[in-house]
Amino acid sequence: GRGDAVRGVLDALPVRDLVSPSQTFPLRVERKLATFSSWY
């Protein structure tokens, strides 16, 4: 019950009890130029 194969399977899809989510916080995803740009 403790082998690498078992751990790998349970890492991919674990058994989760008492799942307690935080609130969902806003995340704005802009186009790449908003972060990576070279101005002249």
PDB file of all heavy atoms in Angstrom:
ATOM      1  N   GLY A   1       0.802  -1.229   0.000  1.00  0.00           N
ATOM      2  CA  GLY A   1       0.000   0.000   0.000  1.00  0.00           C
ATOM      3  C   GLY A   1       0.828   1.268   0.000  1.00  0.00           C
ATOM      4  O   GLY A   1       0.257   2.376  -0.005  1.00  0.00           O
ATOM      5  N   ARG A   2       2.154   1.126  -0.016  1.00  0.00           N
ATOM      6  CA  ARG A   2       3.021   2.306   0.081  1.00  0.00           C
ATOM      7  C   ARG A   2       4.006   2.406  -1.074  1.00  0.00           C
ATOM      8  O   ARG A   2       4.923   3.229  -1.047  1.00  0.00           O
ATOM      9  CB  ARG A   2       3.792   2.280   1.403  1.00  0.00           C
ATOM     10  CG  ARG A   2       2.896   2.264   2.646  1.00  0.00           C
ATOM     11  CD  ARG A   2       3.707   2.253   3.928  1.00  0.00           C
ATOM     12  NE  ARG A   2       4.438   3.500   4.119  1.00  0.00           N
ATOM     13  CZ  ARG A   2       5.765   3.621   4.059  1.00  0.00           C
ATOM     14  NH1 ARG A   2       6.522   2.558   3.812  1.00  0.00           N
ATOM     15  NH2 ARG A   2       6.344   4.798   4.233  1.00  0.00           N
ATOM     16  N   GLY A   3       3.825   1.585  -2.090  1.00  0.00           N
ATOM     17  CA  GLY A   3       4.767   1.574  -3.201  1.00  0.00           C
ATOM     18  C   GLY A   3       4.663   2.811  -4.081  1.00  0.00           C
ATOM     19  O   GLY A   3       3.704   3.582  -4.018  1.00  0.00           O
ATOM     20  N   ASP A   4       5.661   2.985  -4.952  1.00  0.00           N
ATOM     21  CA  ASP A   4       5.706   4.154  -5.830  1.00  0.00           C
ATOM     22  C   ASP A   4       4.514   4.199  -6.781  1.00  0.00           C
ATOM     23  O   ASP A   4       3.991   5.275  -7.086  1.00  0.00           O
ATOM     24  CB  ASP A   4       7.009   4.146  -6.638  1.00  0.00           C
ATOM     25  CG  ASP A   4       8.232   4.403  -5.773  1.00  0.00           C
ATOM     26  OD1 ASP A   4       8.058   4.925  -4.649  1.00  0.00           O
ATOM     27  OD2 ASP A   4       9.352   4.086  -6.212  1.00  0.00           O
ATOM     28  N   ALA A   5       4.088   3.028  -7.246  1.00  0.00           N
ATOM     29  CA  ALA A   5       2.959   2.997  -8.182  1.00  0.00           C
ATOM     30  C   ALA A   5       1.694   3.517  -7.504  1.00  0.00           C
ATOM     31  O   ALA A   5       0.927   4.292  -8.092  1.00  0.00           O
ATOM     32  CB  ALA A   5       2.748   1.583  -8.710  1.00  0.00           C
ATOM     33  N   VAL A   6       1.464   3.080  -6.268  1.00  0.00           N
ATOM     34  CA  VAL A   6       0.289   3.546  -5.526  1.00  0.00           C
ATOM     35  C   VAL A   6       0.376   5.052  -5.287  1.00  0.00           C
ATOM     36  O   VAL A   6      -0.602   5.796  -5.484  1.00  0.00           O
ATOM     37  CB  VAL A   6       0.163   2.795  -4.191  1.00  0.00           C
ATOM     38  CG1 VAL A   6      -0.924   3.431  -3.320  1.00  0.00           C
ATOM     39  CG2 VAL A   6      -0.133   1.330  -4.441  1.00  0.00           C
ATOM     40  N   ARG A   7       1.531   5.521  -4.865  1.00  0.00           N
ATOM     41  CA  ARG A   7       1.687   6.957  -4.594  1.00  0.00           C
ATOM     42  C   ARG A   7       1.462   7.781  -5.863  1.00  0.00           C
ATOM     43  O   ARG A   7       0.841   8.849  -5.832  1.00  0.00           O
ATOM     44  CB  ARG A   7       3.071   7.235  -4.017  1.00  0.00           C
ATOM     45  CG  ARG A   7       3.282   6.620  -2.632  1.00  0.00           C
ATOM     46  CD  ARG A   7       4.650   7.002  -2.072  1.00  0.00           C
ATOM     47  NE  ARG A   7       4.943   6.285  -0.849  1.00  0.00           N
ATOM     48  CZ  ARG A   7       4.485   6.624   0.354  1.00  0.00           C
ATOM     49  NH1 ARG A   7       3.683   7.668   0.479  1.00  0.00           N
ATOM     50  NH2 ARG A   7       4.803   5.923   1.426  1.00  0.00           N
ATOM     51  N   GLY A   8       1.973   7.278  -6.976  1.00  0.00           N
ATOM     52  CA  GLY A   8       1.791   7.999  -8.221  1.00  0.00           C
ATOM     53  C   GLY A   8       0.332   8.112  -8.613  1.00  0.00           C
ATOM     54  O   GLY A   8      -0.139   9.177  -9.038  1.00  0.00           O
ATOM     55  N   VAL A   9      -0.414   7.021  -8.442  1.00  0.00           N
ATOM     56  CA  VAL A   9      -1.838   7.028  -8.772  1.00  0.00           C
ATOM     57  C   VAL A   9      -2.592   7.977  -7.854  1.00  0.00           C
ATOM     58  O   VAL A   9      -3.464   8.747  -8.303  1.00  0.00           O
ATOM     59  CB  VAL A   9      -2.401   5.595  -8.674  1.00  0.00           C
ATOM     60  CG1 VAL A   9      -3.929   5.608  -8.681  1.00  0.00           C
ATOM     61  CG2 VAL A   9      -1.871   4.737  -9.818  1.00  0.00           C
ATOM     62  N   LEU A  10      -2.270   7.968  -6.574  1.00  0.00           N
ATOM     63  CA  LEU A  10      -2.987   8.817  -5.625  1.00  0.00           C
ATOM     64  C   LEU A  10      -2.538  10.273  -5.684  1.00  0.00           C
ATOM     65  O   LEU A  10      -3.290  11.169  -5.290  1.00  0.00           O
ATOM     66  CB  LEU A  10      -2.840   8.264  -4.213  1.00  0.00           C
ATOM     67  CG  LEU A  10      -3.546   6.919  -3.991  1.00  0.00           C
ATOM     68  CD1 LEU A  10      -3.322   6.422  -2.568  1.00  0.00           C
ATOM     69  CD2 LEU A  10      -5.043   7.040  -4.274  1.00  0.00           C
ATOM     70  N   ASP A  11      -1.335  10.521  -6.171  1.00  0.00           N
ATOM     71  CA  ASP A  11      -0.931  11.908  -6.414  1.00  0.00           C
ATOM     72  C   ASP A  11      -1.722  12.490  -7.575  1.00  0.00           C
ATOM     73  O   ASP A  11      -2.120  13.658  -7.568  1.00  0.00           O
ATOM     74  CB  ASP A  11       0.572  11.986  -6.713  1.00  0.00           C
ATOM     75  CG  ASP A  11       1.419  11.902  -5.448  1.00  0.00           C
ATOM     76  OD1 ASP A  11       0.857  12.106  -4.354  1.00  0.00           O
ATOM     77  OD2 ASP A  11       2.632  11.644  -5.564  1.00  0.00           O
ATOM     78  N   ALA A  12      -1.949  11.652  -8.599  1.00  0.00           N
ATOM     79  CA  ALA A  12      -2.683  12.121  -9.775  1.00  0.00           C
ATOM     80  C   ALA A  12      -4.143  12.394  -9.460  1.00  0.00           C
ATOM     81  O   ALA A  12      -4.728  13.363  -9.951  1.00  0.00           O
ATOM     82  CB  ALA A  12      -2.566  11.092 -10.904  1.00  0.00           C
ATOM     83  N   LEU A  13      -4.751  11.571  -8.640  1.00  0.00           N
ATOM     84  CA  LEU A  13      -6.152  11.766  -8.255  1.00  0.00           C
ATOM     85  C   LEU A  13      -6.297  11.308  -6.810  1.00  0.00           C
ATOM     86  O   LEU A  13      -6.625  10.157  -6.532  1.00  0.00           O
ATOM     87  CB  LEU A  13      -7.090  10.966  -9.177  1.00  0.00           C
ATOM     88  CG  LEU A  13      -8.590  11.140  -8.917  1.00  0.00           C
ATOM     89  CD1 LEU A  13      -9.004  12.596  -9.089  1.00  0.00           C
ATOM     90  CD2 LEU A  13      -9.403  10.246  -9.860  1.00  0.00           C
ATOM     91  N   PRO A  14      -6.059  12.214  -5.866  1.00  0.00           N
ATOM     92  CA  PRO A  14      -6.073  11.811  -4.460  1.00  0.00           C
ATOM     93  C   PRO A  14      -7.485  11.609  -3.920  1.00  0.00           C
ATOM     94  O   PRO A  14      -8.471  12.069  -4.495  1.00  0.00           O
ATOM     95  CB  PRO A  14      -5.389  12.992  -3.758  1.00  0.00           C
ATOM     96  CG  PRO A  14      -5.668  14.153  -4.640  1.00  0.00           C
ATOM     97  CD  PRO A  14      -5.678  13.619  -6.050  1.00  0.00           C
ATOM     98  N   VAL A  15      -7.539  10.922  -2.804  1.00  0.00           N
ATOM     99  CA  VAL A  15      -8.785  10.830  -2.037  1.00  0.00           C
ATOM    100  C   VAL A  15      -8.823  12.051  -1.127  1.00  0.00           C
ATOM    101  O   VAL A  15      -7.916  12.266  -0.326  1.00  0.00           O
ATOM    102  CB  VAL A  15      -8.836   9.544  -1.205  1.00  0.00           C
ATOM    103  CG1 VAL A  15     -10.104   9.508  -0.361  1.00  0.00           C
ATOM    104  CG2 VAL A  15      -8.745   8.322  -2.101  1.00  0.00           C
ATOM    105  N   ARG A  16      -9.879  12.852  -1.254  1.00  0.00           N
ATOM    106  CA  ARG A  16      -9.956  14.115  -0.515  1.00  0.00           C
ATOM    107  C   ARG A  16     -11.219  14.140   0.339  1.00  0.00           C
ATOM    108  O   ARG A  16     -12.328  13.992  -0.160  1.00  0.00           O
ATOM    109  CB  ARG A  16      -9.951  15.301  -1.481  1.00  0.00           C
ATOM    110  CG  ARG A  16      -8.775  15.291  -2.463  1.00  0.00           C
ATOM    111  CD  ARG A  16      -8.628  16.641  -3.159  1.00  0.00           C
ATOM    112  NE  ARG A  16      -9.857  17.116  -3.765  1.00  0.00           N
ATOM    113  CZ  ARG A  16     -10.099  18.377  -4.110  1.00  0.00           C
ATOM    114  NH1 ARG A  16      -9.170  19.297  -3.872  1.00  0.00           N
ATOM    115  NH2 ARG A  16     -11.240  18.725  -4.679  1.00  0.00           N
ATOM    116  N   ASP A  17     -11.054  14.325   1.626  1.00  0.00           N
ATOM    117  CA  ASP A  17     -12.171  14.459   2.547  1.00  0.00           C
ATOM    118  C   ASP A  17     -12.237  15.891   3.080  1.00  0.00           C
ATOM    119  O   ASP A  17     -11.212  16.590   3.163  1.00  0.00           O
ATOM    120  CB  ASP A  17     -12.019  13.499   3.730  1.00  0.00           C
ATOM    121  CG  ASP A  17     -12.279  12.043   3.335  1.00  0.00           C
ATOM    122  OD1 ASP A  17     -12.879  11.835   2.260  1.00  0.00           O
ATOM    123  OD2 ASP A  17     -11.870  11.146   4.091  1.00  0.00           O
ATOM    124  N   LEU A  18     -13.439  16.299   3.464  1.00  0.00           N
ATOM    125  CA  LEU A  18     -13.649  17.599   4.103  1.00  0.00           C
ATOM    126  C   LEU A  18     -13.074  18.745   3.267  1.00  0.00           C
ATOM    127  O   LEU A  18     -12.436  19.673   3.785  1.00  0.00           O
ATOM    128  CB  LEU A  18     -13.027  17.623   5.505  1.00  0.00           C
ATOM    129  CG  LEU A  18     -13.460  16.506   6.463  1.00  0.00           C
ATOM    130  CD1 LEU A  18     -12.720  16.638   7.786  1.00  0.00           C
ATOM    131  CD2 LEU A  18     -14.966  16.539   6.682  1.00  0.00           C
ATOM    132  N   VAL A  19     -13.279  18.697   1.971  1.00  0.00           N
ATOM    133  CA  VAL A  19     -12.713  19.715   1.083  1.00  0.00           C
ATOM    134  C   VAL A  19     -13.251  21.089   1.475  1.00  0.00           C
ATOM    135  O   VAL A  19     -14.465  21.301   1.542  1.00  0.00           O
ATOM    136  CB  VAL A  19     -13.044  19.409  -0.384  1.00  0.00           C
ATOM    137  CG1 VAL A  19     -12.526  20.521  -1.287  1.00  0.00           C
ATOM    138  CG2 VAL A  19     -12.450  18.067  -0.783  1.00  0.00           C
ATOM    139  N   SER A  20     -12.334  22.005   1.736  1.00  0.00           N
ATOM    140  CA  SER A  20     -12.697  23.334   2.236  1.00  0.00           C
ATOM    141  C   SER A  20     -12.050  24.392   1.343  1.00  0.00           C
ATOM    142  O   SER A  20     -10.875  24.720   1.514  1.00  0.00           O
ATOM    143  CB  SER A  20     -12.221  23.509   3.678  1.00  0.00           C
ATOM    144  OG  SER A  20     -12.733  22.471   4.501  1.00  0.00           O
ATOM    145  N   PRO A  21     -12.799  24.928   0.397  1.00  0.00           N
ATOM    146  CA  PRO A  21     -12.207  25.914  -0.512  1.00  0.00           C
ATOM    147  C   PRO A  21     -12.110  27.297   0.118  1.00  0.00           C
ATOM    148  O   PRO A  21     -12.960  27.706   0.916  1.00  0.00           O
ATOM    149  CB  PRO A  21     -13.178  25.930  -1.692  1.00  0.00           C
ATOM    150  CG  PRO A  21     -14.495  25.564  -1.083  1.00  0.00           C
ATOM    151  CD  PRO A  21     -14.194  24.599   0.026  1.00  0.00           C
ATOM    152  N   SER A  22     -11.062  28.004  -0.230  1.00  0.00           N
ATOM    153  CA  SER A  22     -11.007  29.424   0.098  1.00  0.00           C
ATOM    154  C   SER A  22     -12.001  30.153  -0.800  1.00  0.00           C
ATOM    155  O   SER A  22     -12.614  29.548  -1.689  1.00  0.00           O
ATOM    156  CB  SER A  22      -9.598  29.971  -0.161  1.00  0.00           C
ATOM    157  OG  SER A  22      -9.338  30.009  -1.569  1.00  0.00           O
ATOM    158  N   GLN A  23     -12.163  31.435  -0.583  1.00  0.00           N
ATOM    159  CA  GLN A  23     -12.939  32.192  -1.554  1.00  0.00           C
ATOM    160  C   GLN A  23     -12.162  32.238  -2.863  1.00  0.00           C
ATOM    161  O   GLN A  23     -10.952  31.989  -2.898  1.00  0.00           O
ATOM    162  CB  GLN A  23     -13.206  33.611  -1.045  1.00  0.00           C
ATOM    163  CG  GLN A  23     -11.982  34.534  -1.029  1.00  0.00           C
ATOM    164  CD  GLN A  23     -12.309  35.909  -0.491  1.00  0.00           C
ATOM    165  OE1 GLN A  23     -12.307  36.130   0.718  1.00  0.00           O
ATOM    166  NE2 GLN A  23     -12.589  36.846  -1.380  1.00  0.00           N
ATOM    167  N   THR A  24     -12.844  32.511  -3.943  1.00  0.00           N
ATOM    168  CA  THR A  24     -12.178  32.631  -5.235  1.00  0.00           C
ATOM    169  C   THR A  24     -11.740  34.078  -5.420  1.00  0.00           C
ATOM    170  O   THR A  24     -12.560  34.994  -5.407  1.00  0.00           O
ATOM    171  CB  THR A  24     -13.114  32.208  -6.377  1.00  0.00           C
ATOM    172  OG1 THR A  24     -13.466  30.831  -6.199  1.00  0.00           O
ATOM    173  CG2 THR A  24     -12.443  32.373  -7.724  1.00  0.00           C
ATOM    174  N   PHE A  25     -10.449  34.273  -5.561  1.00  0.00           N
ATOM    175  CA  PHE A  25      -9.880  35.607  -5.684  1.00  0.00           C
ATOM    176  C   PHE A  25      -9.698  35.966  -7.159  1.00  0.00           C
ATOM    177  O   PHE A  25      -9.376  35.112  -7.981  1.00  0.00           O
ATOM    178  CB  PHE A  25      -8.535  35.678  -4.962  1.00  0.00           C
ATOM    179  CG  PHE A  25      -8.643  35.458  -3.479  1.00  0.00           C
ATOM    180  CD1 PHE A  25      -8.358  34.211  -2.931  1.00  0.00           C
ATOM    181  CD2 PHE A  25      -9.033  36.480  -2.635  1.00  0.00           C
ATOM    182  CE1 PHE A  25      -8.458  33.994  -1.565  1.00  0.00           C
ATOM    183  CE2 PHE A  25      -9.135  36.274  -1.265  1.00  0.00           C
ATOM    184  CZ  PHE A  25      -8.848  35.027  -0.733  1.00  0.00           C
ATOM    185  N   PRO A  26      -9.892  37.238  -7.517  1.00  0.00           N
ATOM    186  CA  PRO A  26      -9.813  37.613  -8.928  1.00  0.00           C
ATOM    187  C   PRO A  26      -8.382  37.595  -9.468  1.00  0.00           C
ATOM    188  O   PRO A  26      -7.437  37.964  -8.774  1.00  0.00           O
ATOM    189  CB  PRO A  26     -10.391  39.033  -8.944  1.00  0.00           C
ATOM    190  CG  PRO A  26     -10.148  39.557  -7.561  1.00  0.00           C
ATOM    191  CD  PRO A  26     -10.263  38.369  -6.645  1.00  0.00           C
ATOM    192  N   LEU A  27      -8.256  37.166 -10.714  1.00  0.00           N
ATOM    193  CA  LEU A  27      -6.977  37.121 -11.418  1.00  0.00           C
ATOM    194  C   LEU A  27      -7.218  37.585 -12.848  1.00  0.00           C
ATOM    195  O   LEU A  27      -7.932  36.919 -13.602  1.00  0.00           O
ATOM    196  CB  LEU A  27      -6.403  35.698 -11.413  1.00  0.00           C
ATOM    197  CG  LEU A  27      -5.139  35.477 -12.252  1.00  0.00           C
ATOM    198  CD1 LEU A  27      -3.951  36.196 -11.618  1.00  0.00           C
ATOM    199  CD2 LEU A  27      -4.838  33.987 -12.396  1.00  0.00           C
ATOM    200  N   ARG A  28      -6.662  38.710 -13.197  1.00  0.00           N
ATOM    201  CA  ARG A  28      -6.836  39.237 -14.562  1.00  0.00           C
ATOM    202  C   ARG A  28      -5.654  38.801 -15.423  1.00  0.00           C
ATOM    203  O   ARG A  28      -4.504  39.088 -15.100  1.00  0.00           O
ATOM    204  CB  ARG A  28      -6.962  40.755 -14.553  1.00  0.00           C
ATOM    205  CG  ARG A  28      -7.053  41.368 -15.947  1.00  0.00           C
ATOM    206  CD  ARG A  28      -7.704  42.734 -15.889  1.00  0.00           C
ATOM    207  NE  ARG A  28      -9.095  42.633 -15.506  1.00  0.00           N
ATOM    208  CZ  ARG A  28      -9.703  43.483 -14.669  1.00  0.00           C
ATOM    209  NH1 ARG A  28      -9.027  44.469 -14.124  1.00  0.00           N
ATOM    210  NH2 ARG A  28     -10.977  43.319 -14.368  1.00  0.00           N
ATOM    211  N   VAL A  29      -5.958  38.112 -16.518  1.00  0.00           N
ATOM    212  CA  VAL A  29      -4.922  37.631 -17.436  1.00  0.00           C
ATOM    213  C   VAL A  29      -4.960  38.513 -18.682  1.00  0.00           C
ATOM    214  O   VAL A  29      -5.911  38.475 -19.461  1.00  0.00           O
ATOM    215  CB  VAL A  29      -5.137  36.150 -17.796  1.00  0.00           C
ATOM    216  CG1 VAL A  29      -4.031  35.670 -18.721  1.00  0.00           C
ATOM    217  CG2 VAL A  29      -5.176  35.298 -16.521  1.00  0.00           C
ATOM    218  N   GLU A  30      -3.929  39.330 -18.835  1.00  0.00           N
ATOM    219  CA  GLU A  30      -3.830  40.263 -19.961  1.00  0.00           C
ATOM    220  C   GLU A  30      -3.005  39.646 -21.084  1.00  0.00           C
ATOM    221  O   GLU A  30      -2.360  38.616 -20.913  1.00  0.00           O
ATOM    222  CB  GLU A  30      -3.141  41.552 -19.492  1.00  0.00           C
ATOM    223  CG  GLU A  30      -3.713  42.149 -18.225  1.00  0.00           C
ATOM    224  CD  GLU A  30      -4.633  43.314 -18.484  1.00  0.00           C
ATOM    225  OE1 GLU A  30      -5.078  43.480 -19.640  1.00  0.00           O
ATOM    226  OE2 GLU A  30      -4.891  44.058 -17.531  1.00  0.00           O
ATOM    227  N   ARG A  31      -2.987  40.328 -22.225  1.00  0.00           N
ATOM    228  CA  ARG A  31      -2.139  39.840 -23.309  1.00  0.00           C
ATOM    229  C   ARG A  31      -0.671  40.004 -22.933  1.00  0.00           C
ATOM    230  O   ARG A  31      -0.303  40.808 -22.063  1.00  0.00           O
ATOM    231  CB  ARG A  31      -2.459  40.545 -24.621  1.00  0.00           C
ATOM    232  CG  ARG A  31      -2.208  42.033 -24.665  1.00  0.00           C
ATOM    233  CD  ARG A  31      -2.856  42.621 -25.898  1.00  0.00           C
ATOM    234  NE  ARG A  31      -2.608  44.049 -26.039  1.00  0.00           N
ATOM    235  CZ  ARG A  31      -1.774  44.576 -26.930  1.00  0.00           C
ATOM    236  NH1 ARG A  31      -1.066  43.788 -27.741  1.00  0.00           N
ATOM    237  NH2 ARG A  31      -1.627  45.875 -27.018  1.00  0.00           N
ATOM    238  N   LYS A  32       0.190  39.259 -23.596  1.00  0.00           N
ATOM    239  CA  LYS A  32       1.585  39.144 -23.189  1.00  0.00           C
ATOM    240  C   LYS A  32       2.306  40.484 -23.151  1.00  0.00           C
ATOM    241  O   LYS A  32       3.175  40.725 -22.304  1.00  0.00           O
ATOM    242  CB  LYS A  32       2.326  38.177 -24.115  1.00  0.00           C
ATOM    243  CG  LYS A  32       3.742  37.847 -23.655  1.00  0.00           C
ATOM    244  CD  LYS A  32       4.368  36.767 -24.521  1.00  0.00           C
ATOM    245  CE  LYS A  32       5.761  36.399 -24.020  1.00  0.00           C
ATOM    246  NZ  LYS A  32       6.373  35.337 -24.838  1.00  0.00           N
ATOM    247  N   LEU A  33       1.953  41.391 -24.069  1.00  0.00           N
ATOM    248  CA  LEU A  33       2.641  42.674 -24.138  1.00  0.00           C
ATOM    249  C   LEU A  33       2.459  43.488 -22.857  1.00  0.00           C
ATOM    250  O   LEU A  33       3.229  44.408 -22.599  1.00  0.00           O
ATOM    251  CB  LEU A  33       2.139  43.467 -25.347  1.00  0.00           C
ATOM    252  CG  LEU A  33       3.038  44.605 -25.845  1.00  0.00           C
ATOM    253  CD1 LEU A  33       4.318  44.044 -26.458  1.00  0.00           C
ATOM    254  CD2 LEU A  33       2.312  45.484 -26.846  1.00  0.00           C
ATOM    255  N   ALA A  34       1.457  43.162 -22.061  1.00  0.00           N
ATOM    256  CA  ALA A  34       1.251  43.876 -20.806  1.00  0.00           C
ATOM    257  C   ALA A  34       2.408  43.651 -19.840  1.00  0.00           C
ATOM    258  O   ALA A  34       2.664  44.478 -18.957  1.00  0.00           O
ATOM    259  CB  ALA A  34      -0.058  43.432 -20.153  1.00  0.00           C
ATOM    260  N   THR A  35       3.102  42.547 -19.991  1.00  0.00           N
ATOM    261  CA  THR A  35       4.243  42.233 -19.135  1.00  0.00           C
ATOM    262  C   THR A  35       5.568  42.302 -19.878  1.00  0.00           C
ATOM    263  O   THR A  35       6.551  42.833 -19.371  1.00  0.00           O
ATOM    264  CB  THR A  35       4.087  40.823 -18.529  1.00  0.00           C
ATOM    265  OG1 THR A  35       3.005  40.822 -17.604  1.00  0.00           O
ATOM    266  CG2 THR A  35       5.352  40.381 -17.809  1.00  0.00           C
ATOM    267  N   PHE A  36       5.587  41.788 -21.085  1.00  0.00           N
ATOM    268  CA  PHE A  36       6.836  41.649 -21.835  1.00  0.00           C
ATOM    269  C   PHE A  36       6.816  42.600 -23.020  1.00  0.00           C
ATOM    270  O   PHE A  36       6.109  42.370 -23.999  1.00  0.00           O
ATOM    271  CB  PHE A  36       7.007  40.200 -22.304  1.00  0.00           C
ATOM    272  CG  PHE A  36       8.264  39.944 -23.094  1.00  0.00           C
ATOM    273  CD1 PHE A  36       9.503  40.125 -22.517  1.00  0.00           C
ATOM    274  CD2 PHE A  36       8.190  39.523 -24.412  1.00  0.00           C
ATOM    275  CE1 PHE A  36      10.664  39.889 -23.242  1.00  0.00           C
ATOM    276  CE2 PHE A  36       9.338  39.283 -25.137  1.00  0.00           C
ATOM    277  CZ  PHE A  36      10.582  39.466 -24.551  1.00  0.00           C
ATOM    278  N   SER A  37       7.581  43.683 -22.925  1.00  0.00           N
ATOM    279  CA  SER A  37       7.557  44.694 -23.972  1.00  0.00           C
ATOM    280  C   SER A  37       8.859  45.472 -24.000  1.00  0.00           C
ATOM    281  O   SER A  37       9.551  45.600 -22.987  1.00  0.00           O
ATOM    282  CB  SER A  37       6.377  45.655 -23.756  1.00  0.00           C
ATOM    283  OG  SER A  37       6.481  46.300 -22.491  1.00  0.00           O
ATOM    284  N   SER A  38       9.183  45.999 -25.182  1.00  0.00           N
ATOM    285  CA  SER A  38      10.385  46.819 -25.379  1.00  0.00           C
ATOM    286  C   SER A  38       9.960  48.106 -26.076  1.00  0.00           C
ATOM    287  O   SER A  38       9.499  48.074 -27.219  1.00  0.00           O
ATOM    288  CB  SER A  38      11.413  46.072 -26.235  1.00  0.00           C
ATOM    289  OG  SER A  38      11.775  44.844 -25.656  1.00  0.00           O
ATOM    290  N   TRP A  39      10.104  49.222 -25.387  1.00  0.00           N
ATOM    291  CA  TRP A  39       9.597  50.511 -25.860  1.00  0.00           C
ATOM    292  C   TRP A  39      10.710  51.360 -26.453  1.00  0.00           C
ATOM    293  O   TRP A  39      11.833  51.394 -25.933  1.00  0.00           O
ATOM    294  CB  TRP A  39       8.970  51.284 -24.711  1.00  0.00           C
ATOM    295  CG  TRP A  39       7.740  50.673 -24.107  1.00  0.00           C
ATOM    296  CD1 TRP A  39       7.613  49.413 -23.578  1.00  0.00           C
ATOM    297  CD2 TRP A  39       6.471  51.304 -23.940  1.00  0.00           C
ATOM    298  NE1 TRP A  39       6.338  49.223 -23.101  1.00  0.00           N
ATOM    299  CE2 TRP A  39       5.620  50.362 -23.303  1.00  0.00           C
ATOM    300  CE3 TRP A  39       5.968  52.564 -24.242  1.00  0.00           C
ATOM    301  CZ2 TRP A  39       4.299  50.665 -22.976  1.00  0.00           C
ATOM    302  CZ3 TRP A  39       4.655  52.862 -23.915  1.00  0.00           C
ATOM    303  CH2 TRP A  39       3.831  51.916 -23.295  1.00  0.00           C
ATOM    304  N   TYR A  40      10.365  52.073 -27.522  1.00  0.00           N
ATOM    305  CA  TYR A  40      11.294  53.043 -28.127  1.00  0.00           C
ATOM    306  C   TYR A  40      10.555  54.370 -28.229  1.00  0.00           C
ATOM    307  O   TYR A  40       9.565  54.489 -28.947  1.00  0.00           O
ATOM    308  CB  TYR A  40      11.753  52.578 -29.506  1.00  0.00           C
ATOM    309  CG  TYR A  40      12.839  53.425 -30.118  1.00  0.00           C
ATOM    310  CD1 TYR A  40      14.181  53.063 -29.993  1.00  0.00           C
ATOM    311  CD2 TYR A  40      12.541  54.592 -30.821  1.00  0.00           C
ATOM    312  CE1 TYR A  40      15.186  53.839 -30.554  1.00  0.00           C
ATOM    313  CE2 TYR A  40      13.536  55.372 -31.380  1.00  0.00           C
ATOM    314  CZ  TYR A  40      14.855  54.998 -31.246  1.00  0.00           C
ATOM    315  OH  TYR A  40      15.863  55.771 -31.806  1.00  0.00           O
TER     316      TYR A  40
END
